[in-house]
Amino acid sequence: MGELTQPQLARLATLTDDHTVVAQSEGSAVVKRPDGGSACGQSNGGLVATGLLPRVQSYLCLERC
């Protein structure tokens, strides 16, 4: 599993309290936004809106956001 990059960690530190990091997978953080949507962290620190995320993710099928 990949670790988060310094730009990702810096970006997460700037998020307001109404954002919640809900998962980390293969070097990407998944963030729950205040509007209920989700975003996936890019290696450069940017956040990209994601579609629906599965509630349960098989350990056999780990994919990057």
Protein backbone atom coordinates (compact mmCIF):
# COMPACT_ATOMS: atom_id res chain seq x y z
CA MET A 1 0.00 0.00 0.00
CA GLY A 2 1.26 3.45 -0.82
CA GLU A 3 1.73 6.16 1.73
CA LEU A 4 0.25 9.63 1.37
CA THR A 5 2.55 12.21 -0.24
CA GLN A 6 3.63 15.45 1.44
CA PRO A 7 1.33 17.52 -0.85
CA GLN A 8 -1.59 15.26 0.11
CA LEU A 9 -0.87 15.62 3.81
CA ALA A 10 -0.53 19.40 3.46
CA ARG A 11 -3.88 19.58 1.60
CA LEU A 12 -5.65 17.45 4.22
CA ALA A 13 -4.32 19.77 6.92
CA THR A 14 -6.00 22.75 5.22
CA LEU A 15 -9.47 21.19 5.07
CA THR A 16 -12.13 22.59 7.37
CA ASP A 17 -13.54 20.57 10.26
CA ASP A 18 -16.65 19.66 8.27
CA HIS A 19 -14.54 17.44 5.98
CA THR A 20 -13.83 13.90 7.17
CA VAL A 21 -11.15 11.50 5.96
CA VAL A 22 -13.02 8.19 5.71
CA ALA A 23 -10.44 5.91 4.10
CA GLN A 24 -6.96 5.58 2.71
CA SER A 25 -6.22 3.16 -0.07
CA GLU A 26 -3.13 2.75 -2.22
CA GLY A 27 -1.76 6.23 -1.58
CA SER A 28 -5.09 8.07 -1.90
CA ALA A 29 -7.24 9.52 0.83
CA VAL A 30 -11.02 9.45 0.48
CA VAL A 31 -12.65 12.53 1.99
CA LYS A 32 -16.34 13.03 2.85
CA ARG A 33 -17.36 16.57 1.92
CA PRO A 34 -19.83 18.71 3.91
CA ASP A 35 -22.45 18.29 1.15
CA GLY A 36 -22.35 14.50 1.63
CA GLY A 37 -20.30 13.87 -1.50
CA SER A 38 -16.87 12.33 -1.57
CA ALA A 39 -13.51 13.31 -3.00
CA CYS A 40 -10.34 11.38 -3.68
CA GLY A 41 -6.91 12.88 -3.04
CA GLN A 42 -4.46 13.04 -5.92
CA SER A 43 -0.71 12.63 -5.41
CA ASN A 44 -0.20 16.38 -6.09
CA GLY A 45 -2.56 17.30 -3.23
CA GLY A 46 -5.61 18.07 -5.34
CA LEU A 47 -9.04 16.67 -4.58
CA VAL A 48 -11.21 15.14 -7.28
CA ALA A 49 -14.93 14.53 -6.80
CA THR A 50 -15.80 10.85 -6.95
CA GLY A 51 -18.98 8.98 -7.69
CA LEU A 52 -20.66 6.63 -5.30
CA LEU A 53 -18.29 4.59 -3.21
CA PRO A 54 -19.14 1.05 -2.19
CA ARG A 55 -19.92 0.62 1.51
CA VAL A 56 -17.89 -2.57 1.64
CA GLN A 57 -14.76 -3.08 -0.38
CA SER A 58 -13.34 -6.54 -0.88
CA TYR A 59 -9.73 -6.97 0.11
CA LEU A 60 -9.39 -9.01 -3.09
CA CYS A 61 -10.31 -6.09 -5.30
CA LEU A 62 -8.53 -2.97 -4.12
CA GLU A 63 -8.59 -0.24 -6.72
CA ARG A 64 -7.40 3.32 -6.64
CA CYS A 65 -10.07 6.03 -6.56
